[in-house]
Amino acid sequence: MIDRRALLATAALAPLAARAQSPWKGYYAAGTRQRPVHFAGGDGATLAGTLLLPMWSELQRVPGVVLIAGSGPTDRDGNNPLVPESQVGGRIDLLKLIAELLAQAGIASLRYDKRGIGSSTPRPTGTLEDQEQFFAWTNFVGDVAAAHGELLKHDEIKPYATALLGHSEGGLLAIAAATAMATRAPEPGKRHRLHGLVLAATPGLPLADIVRAQIARNAPSLLEPAERTMAEVMATGHVPAGLPRELQALFPPYAGPFLQSLLAFDPATALGRLDMACLIVQGAADRQVVPMADVQPLIDALGRRTAPGEAVILPAVSHNLKRISGPADPGFAGPLAPAVADTLIGWLRPLLGA
């Protein structure tokens, strides 16, 4: 008997050969139009972003995708000051590269600075409670829904052809926001239904399992204090004081409510309940979200649904969707891996009618 997991992973690779034969680049008029946007987030915080439109949008409406950054202080372009250019050989620019790729294929995108980052509302300087409320998980989820609402306000966008694309933790936010938006009553005369979800380098296990596995691999002596910390966060919604220095970055003091919600969030179960097309894109050389252990629950969830779903595992591709040159290459800088670009466009164009 063929193992179902192996079958899913193998079948997901099959469309790549056919897609590689289709020269989609250059199909639309060259060039893009860029528009700065500002909109209210989940709790009224101002979020700053960029709407990138293909030139084709001057002639007719185009599909649109909201791009959602991963964890940490990652900006609208996909860059993180904790990962300096001097250490990784250049800018990451992951979301900027994806936006430019989509525009070349006739798809608009909206990407934004997360709350507390870049040109969006800065982190509060008041009490710890103020910071906890500002960075609550529900606010980040609301920010994604607000970004989608902002996308729909622009006349160039087809309101019936939109999707979310989340990278890493951004994929978790995409699942949570899609769930919330599916249960929200639409405004009269407007359609808010999403038509697709792209999960790029997104873990399928609950956060607690991911943390346990990462600490067991890299610092097993910290496993017991990490377990105690997660238990207290789950029980109280607050990060305890006096953590070992090595755990302080993982459990910052202001992140209690955020972590409490995220620790309780099961992405595979949530994805299994969503009735919309979904693409999973995963690099086989990802060192943060490890294939297949961290990703398999999402693939299993796709297999249990009736909605269309596809999972593509790409060899020699990093967490940031760049092609790696060898074991020592972290895959931060450089262009998108060609297989990633082909997979994204090959899936999104027919889905959204670009």
Protein backbone atom coordinates (compact mmCIF):
# COMPACT_ATOMS: atom_id res chain seq x y z
CA MET A 1 0.00 0.00 0.00
CA ILE A 2 1.29 3.48 -0.88
CA ASP A 3 1.49 5.77 2.11
CA ARG A 4 -1.05 8.59 1.69
CA ARG A 5 1.39 11.19 2.94
CA ALA A 6 4.03 10.15 0.44
CA LEU A 7 1.42 10.13 -2.31
CA LEU A 8 0.29 13.66 -1.50
CA ALA A 9 3.82 15.01 -1.46
CA THR A 10 4.73 13.29 -4.74
CA ALA A 11 1.56 14.27 -6.56
CA ALA A 12 2.03 17.89 -5.56
CA LEU A 13 5.25 18.03 -7.58
CA ALA A 14 3.73 16.71 -10.78
CA PRO A 15 2.25 19.99 -12.14
CA LEU A 16 5.65 21.73 -12.05
CA ALA A 17 6.94 20.16 -15.24
CA ALA A 18 3.92 21.28 -17.20
CA ARG A 19 3.97 24.76 -15.72
CA ALA A 20 7.61 25.27 -16.60
CA GLN A 21 6.67 25.06 -20.29
CA SER A 22 4.27 28.02 -20.19
CA PRO A 23 6.04 31.39 -20.74
CA TRP A 24 3.65 33.56 -18.74
CA LYS A 25 6.10 36.46 -18.38
CA GLY A 26 5.56 39.40 -20.66
CA TYR A 27 1.92 38.57 -21.36
CA TYR A 28 0.76 41.92 -20.01
CA ALA A 29 1.94 45.43 -20.81
CA ALA A 30 5.25 46.12 -19.12
CA GLY A 31 5.42 48.33 -16.05
CA THR A 32 3.56 48.83 -12.82
CA ARG A 33 1.82 51.58 -10.90
CA GLN A 34 2.49 52.00 -7.18
CA ARG A 35 0.15 53.71 -4.74
CA PRO A 36 0.75 54.40 -1.04
CA VAL A 37 -2.17 53.46 1.20
CA HIS A 38 -3.13 54.12 4.81
CA PHE A 39 -6.01 52.34 6.52
CA ALA A 40 -7.37 51.56 9.99
CA GLY A 41 -6.33 48.18 11.40
CA GLY A 42 -8.10 45.80 13.72
CA ASP A 43 -8.32 48.20 16.67
CA GLY A 44 -8.05 51.49 14.80
CA ALA A 45 -4.26 51.58 14.56
CA THR A 46 -3.10 53.14 11.29
CA LEU A 47 -1.40 50.74 8.91
CA ALA A 48 0.75 51.99 6.04
CA GLY A 49 1.19 49.95 2.90
CA THR A 50 1.77 49.78 -0.83
CA LEU A 51 -0.72 48.87 -3.53
CA LEU A 52 1.16 47.62 -6.59
CA LEU A 53 -0.90 47.54 -9.76
CA PRO A 54 -0.05 46.11 -13.18
CA MET A 55 -0.33 48.60 -16.05
CA TRP A 56 -3.11 46.40 -17.39
CA SER A 57 -5.28 47.81 -14.59
CA GLU A 58 -5.59 51.08 -16.58
CA LEU A 59 -7.66 49.18 -19.14
CA GLN A 60 -9.68 46.78 -17.01
CA ARG A 61 -10.03 45.52 -13.46
CA VAL A 62 -7.52 42.99 -12.17
CA PRO A 63 -7.43 40.41 -9.35
CA GLY A 64 -5.83 41.38 -6.04
CA VAL A 65 -3.85 39.62 -3.32
CA VAL A 66 -3.05 40.75 0.23
CA LEU A 67 0.52 39.85 1.23
CA ILE A 68 1.08 39.10 4.94
CA ALA A 69 4.53 39.22 6.52
CA GLY A 70 5.98 36.63 8.88
CA SER A 71 6.96 36.94 12.54
CA GLY A 72 9.04 39.62 14.21
CA PRO A 73 9.55 43.23 13.07
CA THR A 74 9.14 42.36 9.39
CA ASP A 75 8.12 45.26 7.15
CA ARG A 76 5.93 45.43 4.06
CA ASP A 77 8.82 44.38 1.80
CA GLY A 78 9.67 41.33 3.91
CA ASN A 79 12.79 42.73 5.58
CA ASN A 80 13.64 42.34 9.25
CA PRO A 81 16.18 44.58 11.06
CA LEU A 82 17.13 41.59 13.22
CA VAL A 83 18.51 40.00 10.04
CA PRO A 84 20.95 42.68 8.79
CA GLU A 85 21.97 42.80 5.14
CA SER A 86 25.64 42.54 6.07
CA GLN A 87 25.03 39.07 7.55
CA VAL A 88 22.90 37.61 4.78
CA GLY A 89 24.50 39.09 1.67
CA GLY A 90 21.77 41.56 0.72
CA ARG A 91 18.15 42.46 1.25
CA ILE A 92 15.54 39.75 1.71
CA ASP A 93 12.74 41.73 -0.01
CA LEU A 94 10.54 38.62 -0.08
CA LEU A 95 7.14 40.35 -0.18
CA LYS A 96 8.37 43.03 -2.56
CA LEU A 97 9.62 40.35 -4.95
CA ILE A 98 6.30 38.51 -4.76
CA ALA A 99 4.39 41.75 -5.40
CA GLU A 100 6.49 42.47 -8.48
CA LEU A 101 6.05 38.91 -9.71
CA LEU A 102 2.27 39.15 -9.36
CA ALA A 103 2.14 42.50 -11.15
CA GLN A 104 4.02 41.04 -14.12
CA ALA A 105 1.28 38.42 -14.35
CA GLY A 106 -1.57 40.93 -14.19
CA ILE A 107 -2.36 40.59 -10.46
CA ALA A 108 -2.38 43.53 -8.04
CA SER A 109 -1.18 43.23 -4.47
CA LEU A 110 -1.40 45.12 -1.21
CA ARG A 111 1.39 44.70 1.33
CA TYR A 112 1.70 46.64 4.58
CA ASP A 113 3.92 47.39 7.55
CA LYS A 114 2.67 45.47 10.55
CA ARG A 115 1.54 47.42 13.60
CA GLY A 116 4.48 48.82 15.53
CA ILE A 117 6.75 48.62 12.46
CA GLY A 118 7.85 50.99 9.70
CA SER A 119 5.34 53.72 8.87
CA SER A 120 2.41 52.11 10.71
CA THR A 121 1.32 53.16 14.20
CA PRO A 122 4.38 52.71 16.45
CA ARG A 123 4.57 50.48 19.47
CA PRO A 124 3.01 52.15 22.56
CA THR A 125 5.40 53.63 25.06
CA GLY A 126 2.97 53.45 27.97
CA THR A 127 2.23 50.60 30.34
CA LEU A 128 2.86 46.93 29.76
CA GLU A 129 -0.91 46.46 29.60
CA ASP A 130 -1.11 49.00 26.75
CA GLN A 131 1.54 47.08 24.84
CA GLU A 132 -0.15 43.74 25.49
CA GLN A 133 -3.44 45.06 24.11
CA PHE A 134 -1.78 46.66 21.09
CA PHE A 135 -0.02 43.42 20.11
CA ALA A 136 -2.95 41.08 20.77
CA TRP A 137 -3.40 38.27 18.24
CA THR A 138 -6.94 39.39 17.46
CA ASN A 139 -5.61 42.78 16.36
CA PHE A 140 -3.16 41.17 13.92
CA VAL A 141 -5.98 39.04 12.53
CA GLY A 142 -8.16 42.13 12.24
CA ASP A 143 -5.34 43.91 10.40
CA VAL A 144 -5.39 41.26 7.68
CA ALA A 145 -9.15 41.63 7.23
CA ALA A 146 -8.74 45.42 7.19
CA ALA A 147 -6.05 45.14 4.49
CA HIS A 148 -8.42 43.06 2.39
CA GLY A 149 -11.12 45.69 2.91
CA GLU A 150 -8.69 48.38 1.78
CA LEU A 151 -7.83 46.36 -1.33
CA LEU A 152 -11.51 46.19 -2.29
CA LYS A 153 -11.87 50.00 -2.07
CA HIS A 154 -9.70 50.54 -5.15
CA ASP A 155 -11.58 50.68 -8.44
CA GLU A 156 -8.91 48.71 -10.30
CA ILE A 157 -9.56 45.55 -8.25
CA LYS A 158 -12.05 42.81 -9.13
CA PRO A 159 -13.95 42.41 -5.84
CA TYR A 160 -14.81 38.81 -6.75
CA ALA A 161 -11.21 37.70 -7.42
CA THR A 162 -9.06 38.18 -4.32
CA ALA A 163 -6.78 36.04 -2.17
CA LEU A 164 -4.52 36.11 0.87
CA LEU A 165 -0.86 35.09 0.72
CA GLY A 166 0.89 34.65 4.06
CA HIS A 167 4.52 33.80 4.69
CA SER A 168 5.49 31.77 7.77
CA GLU A 169 3.54 33.21 10.73
CA GLY A 170 1.74 35.34 8.13
CA GLY A 171 0.22 32.11 6.84
CA LEU A 172 -1.26 31.44 10.28
CA LEU A 173 -2.74 34.94 10.27
CA ALA A 174 -4.12 34.29 6.79
CA ILE A 175 -5.91 31.14 7.98
CA ALA A 176 -7.31 32.92 11.05
CA ALA A 177 -8.40 35.98 9.04
CA ALA A 178 -10.00 33.86 6.31
CA THR A 179 -11.95 32.04 9.02
CA ALA A 180 -13.12 35.31 10.57
CA MET A 181 -14.02 36.82 7.20
CA ALA A 182 -16.01 33.74 6.20
CA THR A 183 -18.29 34.20 9.19
CA ARG A 184 -18.66 37.97 8.83
CA ALA A 185 -21.83 39.32 7.28
CA PRO A 186 -20.97 41.26 4.09
CA GLU A 187 -21.88 44.90 3.73
CA PRO A 188 -25.00 45.48 1.62
CA GLY A 189 -24.17 45.33 -2.07
CA LYS A 190 -20.60 44.14 -1.49
CA ARG A 191 -18.93 40.77 -1.78
CA HIS A 192 -16.10 40.00 0.60
CA ARG A 193 -15.62 36.32 -0.16
CA LEU A 194 -12.03 35.29 -0.65
CA HIS A 195 -11.31 32.99 -3.54
CA GLY A 196 -7.94 31.66 -2.51
CA LEU A 197 -5.36 31.18 0.20
CA VAL A 198 -1.61 30.73 -0.29
CA LEU A 199 0.40 29.42 2.66
CA ALA A 200 4.13 29.87 2.07
CA ALA A 201 6.54 28.22 4.53
CA THR A 202 3.70 28.02 7.05
CA PRO A 203 3.79 25.56 9.97
CA GLY A 204 0.90 23.15 10.36
CA LEU A 205 1.54 22.25 14.00
CA PRO A 206 0.38 24.29 17.01
CA LEU A 207 2.99 26.76 18.24
CA ALA A 208 3.70 24.77 21.40
CA ASP A 209 4.79 21.77 19.33
CA ILE A 210 6.97 23.95 17.10
CA VAL A 211 8.68 25.55 20.12
CA ARG A 212 9.29 22.17 21.76
CA ALA A 213 10.85 20.77 18.60
CA GLN A 214 13.07 23.80 17.97
CA ILE A 215 14.34 23.92 21.55
CA ALA A 216 14.90 20.16 21.64
CA ARG A 217 17.04 20.48 18.50
CA ASN A 218 19.02 23.56 19.49
CA ALA A 219 18.97 24.01 23.29
CA PRO A 220 17.51 20.97 25.11
CA SER A 221 18.47 22.37 28.53
CA LEU A 222 15.85 25.11 28.00
CA LEU A 223 13.00 22.72 27.31
CA GLU A 224 11.73 22.53 30.91
CA PRO A 225 11.65 26.34 31.52
CA ALA A 226 10.04 26.81 28.11
CA GLU A 227 7.31 24.32 29.02
CA ARG A 228 6.65 26.15 32.30
CA THR A 229 6.53 29.49 30.47
CA MET A 230 4.04 28.26 27.89
CA ALA A 231 1.84 26.75 30.59
CA GLU A 232 1.75 30.04 32.50
CA VAL A 233 1.05 32.07 29.36
CA MET A 234 -1.82 29.74 28.48
CA ALA A 235 -3.26 30.00 31.99
CA THR A 236 -2.84 33.74 32.61
CA GLY A 237 -2.29 35.50 29.28
CA HIS A 238 0.92 37.05 30.63
CA VAL A 239 4.60 36.25 30.17
CA PRO A 240 6.21 35.50 33.55
CA ALA A 241 9.11 37.61 34.77
CA GLY A 242 12.64 36.35 35.31
CA LEU A 243 12.95 34.16 32.23
CA PRO A 244 16.38 32.87 31.17
CA ARG A 245 18.00 35.31 28.76
CA GLU A 246 17.80 32.77 25.95
CA LEU A 247 14.00 32.63 26.24
CA GLN A 248 13.35 36.35 26.48
CA ALA A 249 13.39 36.85 22.70
CA LEU A 250 10.95 33.98 22.25
CA PHE A 251 8.63 35.20 25.02
CA PRO A 252 8.84 39.03 25.15
CA PRO A 253 6.99 40.60 28.12
CA TYR A 254 4.35 42.37 26.00
CA ALA A 255 3.40 39.26 23.98
CA GLY A 256 1.29 37.46 26.60
CA PRO A 257 -2.18 37.80 25.02
CA PHE A 258 -0.71 37.27 21.52
CA LEU A 259 1.02 34.06 22.57
CA GLN A 260 -1.96 32.83 24.57
CA SER A 261 -4.12 32.93 21.44
CA LEU A 262 -1.42 31.58 19.14
CA LEU A 263 -0.57 28.68 21.48
CA ALA A 264 -4.25 27.67 21.38
CA PHE A 265 -4.50 27.98 17.59
CA ASP A 266 -4.39 24.74 15.57
CA PRO A 267 -3.74 25.79 11.96
CA ALA A 268 -4.46 22.39 10.42
CA THR A 269 -7.84 22.09 12.11
CA ALA A 270 -8.74 25.66 11.09
CA LEU A 271 -7.64 25.07 7.48
CA GLY A 272 -9.71 21.91 7.34
CA ARG A 273 -12.84 23.96 8.00
CA LEU A 274 -12.21 26.54 5.25
CA ASP A 275 -14.19 26.11 2.05
CA MET A 276 -11.82 27.85 -0.36
CA ALA A 277 -8.99 26.92 -2.68
CA CYS A 278 -5.61 26.65 -0.97
CA LEU A 279 -2.02 26.34 -2.15
CA ILE A 280 0.79 25.26 0.19
CA VAL A 281 4.30 26.22 -0.98
CA GLN A 282 7.17 24.80 1.05
CA GLY A 283 10.91 24.79 0.53
CA ALA A 284 12.57 21.45 1.16
CA ALA A 285 15.63 23.30 2.53
CA ASP A 286 13.61 25.34 5.05
CA ARG A 287 15.43 25.34 8.40
CA GLN A 288 12.65 27.09 10.36
CA VAL A 289 9.52 25.26 9.20
CA VAL A 290 10.88 21.76 8.70
CA PRO A 291 9.41 19.59 5.99
CA MET A 292 7.63 17.32 6.32
CA ALA A 293 7.16 17.18 10.08
CA ASP A 294 5.98 20.78 10.50
CA VAL A 295 4.02 20.96 7.23
CA GLN A 296 2.36 17.54 6.99
CA PRO A 297 -0.68 18.45 9.15
CA LEU A 298 -1.64 21.14 6.63
CA ILE A 299 -1.28 18.68 3.74
CA ASP A 300 -3.41 16.17 5.61
CA ALA A 301 -6.03 18.89 6.17
CA LEU A 302 -6.14 19.58 2.41
CA GLY A 303 -6.76 15.88 1.81
CA ARG A 304 -9.78 15.88 4.13
CA ARG A 305 -11.49 18.82 2.44
CA THR A 306 -13.71 18.96 -0.62
CA ALA A 307 -12.41 22.39 -1.66
CA PRO A 308 -9.51 22.47 -4.18
CA GLY A 309 -6.06 22.19 -2.62
CA GLU A 310 -2.49 21.67 -3.72
CA ALA A 311 0.78 21.24 -1.84
CA VAL A 312 4.12 21.77 -3.56
CA ILE A 313 7.44 20.89 -1.87
CA LEU A 314 10.34 22.47 -3.77
CA PRO A 315 13.89 21.10 -3.52
CA ALA A 316 16.79 23.43 -2.64
CA VAL A 317 14.42 26.26 -1.60
CA SER A 318 14.83 28.12 1.70
CA HIS A 319 12.39 29.48 4.26
CA ASN A 320 12.44 32.79 2.37
CA LEU A 321 11.61 31.03 -0.90
CA LYS A 322 15.08 31.61 -2.37
CA ARG A 323 17.16 28.94 -4.07
CA ILE A 324 20.10 27.81 -1.93
CA SER A 325 23.53 27.06 -3.38
CA GLY A 326 24.62 24.58 -0.71
CA PRO A 327 24.33 23.52 2.95
CA ALA A 328 25.97 26.73 4.21
CA ASP A 329 23.68 29.05 2.24
CA PRO A 330 20.80 30.33 4.47
CA GLY A 331 18.79 31.44 1.43
CA PHE A 332 18.02 34.99 2.54
CA ALA A 333 19.16 37.17 -0.37
CA GLY A 334 18.66 37.04 -4.11
CA PRO A 335 15.61 36.56 -6.36
CA LEU A 336 12.72 34.21 -5.75
CA ALA A 337 13.51 30.65 -6.70
CA PRO A 338 12.22 30.14 -10.27
CA ALA A 339 10.17 27.14 -9.17
CA VAL A 340 8.46 29.30 -6.53
CA ALA A 341 7.61 31.98 -9.07
CA ASP A 342 6.25 29.43 -11.52
CA THR A 343 4.18 27.69 -8.84
CA LEU A 344 2.61 30.90 -7.53
CA ILE A 345 1.67 32.26 -10.94
CA GLY A 346 0.64 28.89 -12.33
CA TRP A 347 -1.84 28.51 -9.45
CA LEU A 348 -3.08 32.08 -8.92
CA ARG A 349 -3.68 33.13 -12.53
CA PRO A 350 -6.30 30.52 -13.40
CA LEU A 351 -7.85 30.70 -9.94
CA LEU A 352 -8.36 34.48 -10.03
CA GLY A 353 -8.88 34.83 -13.78
CA ALA A 354 -5.83 36.99 -14.44
